[in-house]
C-alpha atoms as a PDB file:
ATOM      1  CA  MET A   1     156.624 -68.299-109.092  1.00  0.00           C
ATOM      2  CA  ALA A   2     156.063 -67.279-105.624  1.00  0.00           C
ATOM      3  CA  VAL A   3     157.287 -64.156-103.766  1.00  0.00           C
ATOM      4  CA  ILE A   4     158.086 -64.493-100.190  1.00  0.00           C
ATOM      5  CA  ILE A   5     157.736 -61.146 -98.265  1.00  0.00           C
ATOM      6  CA  ASP A   6     159.199 -60.999 -94.865  1.00  0.00           C
ATOM      7  CA  LEU A   7     157.467 -57.754 -92.297  1.00  0.00           C
ATOM      8  CA  ASP A   8     159.467 -56.842 -89.078  1.00  0.00           C
ATOM      9  CA  HIS A   9     159.430 -54.328 -87.061  1.00  0.00           C
ATOM     10  CA  THR A  10     162.011 -53.234 -84.101  1.00  0.00           C
ATOM     11  CA  SER A  11     162.753 -50.267 -82.195  1.00  0.00           C
ATOM     12  CA  ALA A  12     164.994 -47.454 -82.835  1.00  0.00           C
ATOM     13  CA  ILE A  13     165.446 -45.824 -79.530  1.00  0.00           C
ATOM     14  CA  THR A  14     165.347 -41.874 -79.780  1.00  0.00           C
ATOM     15  CA  HIS A  15     167.018 -39.164 -78.076  1.00  0.00           C
ATOM     16  CA  GLY A  16     166.109 -35.566 -77.954  1.00  0.00           C
ATOM     17  CA  GLY A  17     163.086 -33.860 -79.600  1.00  0.00           C
ATOM     18  CA  GLN A  18     162.819 -35.584 -83.002  1.00  0.00           C
ATOM     19  CA  GLN A  19     159.488 -35.726 -84.593  1.00  0.00           C
ATOM     20  CA  LEU A  20     157.102 -38.445 -83.954  1.00  0.00           C
ATOM     21  CA  ASN A  21     159.273 -39.160 -81.206  1.00  0.00           C
ATOM     22  CA  LEU A  22     156.782 -41.060 -78.870  1.00  0.00           C
ATOM     23  CA  PHE A  23     157.181 -43.335 -75.960  1.00  0.00           C
ATOM     24  CA  ASN A  24     156.046 -46.847 -76.235  1.00  0.00           C
ATOM     25  CA  ALA A  25     155.259 -49.126 -73.204  1.00  0.00           C
ATOM     26  CA  LYS A  26     156.294 -52.160 -74.334  1.00  0.00           C
ATOM     27  CA  TYR A  27     160.215 -51.012 -74.627  1.00  0.00           C
ATOM     28  CA  GLN A  28     159.551 -48.706 -72.098  1.00  0.00           C
ATOM     29  CA  ASP A  29     161.389 -45.462 -73.938  1.00  0.00           C
ATOM     30  CA  TYR A  30     160.715 -43.312 -76.461  1.00  0.00           C
ATOM     31  CA  CYS A  31     161.676 -44.670 -79.924  1.00  0.00           C
ATOM     32  CA  TYR A  32     160.282 -45.098 -83.818  1.00  0.00           C
ATOM     33  CA  LEU A  33     159.041 -48.554 -85.054  1.00  0.00           C
ATOM     34  CA  PRO A  34     160.509 -48.629 -88.739  1.00  0.00           C
ATOM     35  CA  LEU A  35     158.265 -51.525 -90.407  1.00  0.00           C
ATOM     36  CA  MET A  36     161.355 -53.397 -92.542  1.00  0.00           C
ATOM     37  CA  VAL A  37     160.239 -55.537 -95.582  1.00  0.00           C
ATOM     38  CA  PHE A  38     162.599 -58.333 -96.597  1.00  0.00           C
ATOM     39  CA  GLU A  39     162.868 -60.510 -99.531  1.00  0.00           C
ATOM     40  CA  GLY A  40     162.263 -63.823 -98.088  1.00  0.00           C
ATOM     41  CA  LEU A  41     164.637 -66.137 -99.437  1.00  0.00           C
ATOM     42  CA  SER A  42     167.622 -64.223 -99.807  1.00  0.00           C
ATOM     43  CA  GLY A  43     166.893 -61.847 -96.769  1.00  0.00           C
ATOM     44  CA  LYS A  44     167.872 -59.179 -98.571  1.00  0.00           C
ATOM     45  CA  LEU A  45     166.337 -55.239 -97.283  1.00  0.00           C
ATOM     46  CA  ILE A  46     163.608 -54.391-100.018  1.00  0.00           C
ATOM     47  CA  THR A  47     162.566 -51.089 -98.410  1.00  0.00           C
ATOM     48  CA  ALA A  48     161.799 -49.575 -94.630  1.00  0.00           C
ATOM     49  CA  ILE A  49     158.977 -47.455 -93.370  1.00  0.00           C
ATOM     50  CA  LEU A  50     159.770 -44.882 -90.578  1.00  0.00           C
ATOM     51  CA  ARG A  51     156.675 -44.924 -88.053  1.00  0.00           C
ATOM     52  CA  PRO A  52     155.556 -43.254 -85.122  1.00  0.00           C
ATOM     53  CA  GLY A  53     156.678 -44.927 -81.873  1.00  0.00           C
ATOM     54  CA  ARG A  54     153.235 -45.442 -80.515  1.00  0.00           C
ATOM     55  CA  ASN A  55     152.421 -47.920 -83.175  1.00  0.00           C
ATOM     56  CA  THR A  56     151.655 -51.650 -81.856  1.00  0.00           C
ATOM     57  CA  HIS A  57     153.617 -54.235 -83.954  1.00  0.00           C
ATOM     58  CA  TRP A  58     150.547 -55.204 -86.155  1.00  0.00           C
ATOM     59  CA  GLN A  59     149.207 -51.566 -87.085  1.00  0.00           C
ATOM     60  CA  GLY A  60     150.008 -50.159 -90.630  1.00  0.00           C
ATOM     61  CA  GLU A  61     151.726 -53.713 -91.699  1.00  0.00           C
ATOM     62  CA  CYS A  62     148.618 -54.611 -93.517  1.00  0.00           C
ATOM     63  CA  GLY A  63     147.835 -51.372 -95.444  1.00  0.00           C
ATOM     64  CA  HIS A  64     151.566 -51.487 -96.585  1.00  0.00           C
ATOM     65  CA  SER A  65     151.269 -54.831 -97.798  1.00  0.00           C
ATOM     66  CA  GLN A  66     148.754 -54.104-100.339  1.00  0.00           C
ATOM     67  CA  ARG A  67     150.173 -51.421-101.939  1.00  0.00           C
ATOM     68  CA  SER A  68     150.800 -52.298-105.731  1.00  0.00           C
END
């Protein structure tokens, strides 16, 4: 039985002085970049991991996918 995991990131624009509220050049705004983990066949959300806004889209994804 195979399990398909879909990793997606999205920008969450922030307002004010939240911790880890960092400028992201790609989105030209201050934001968080949460990593969303979905089950690939059903599309159901498994978990979301809040990441600072300065991460690029690939930073941290491999490390999170290797956790057991």
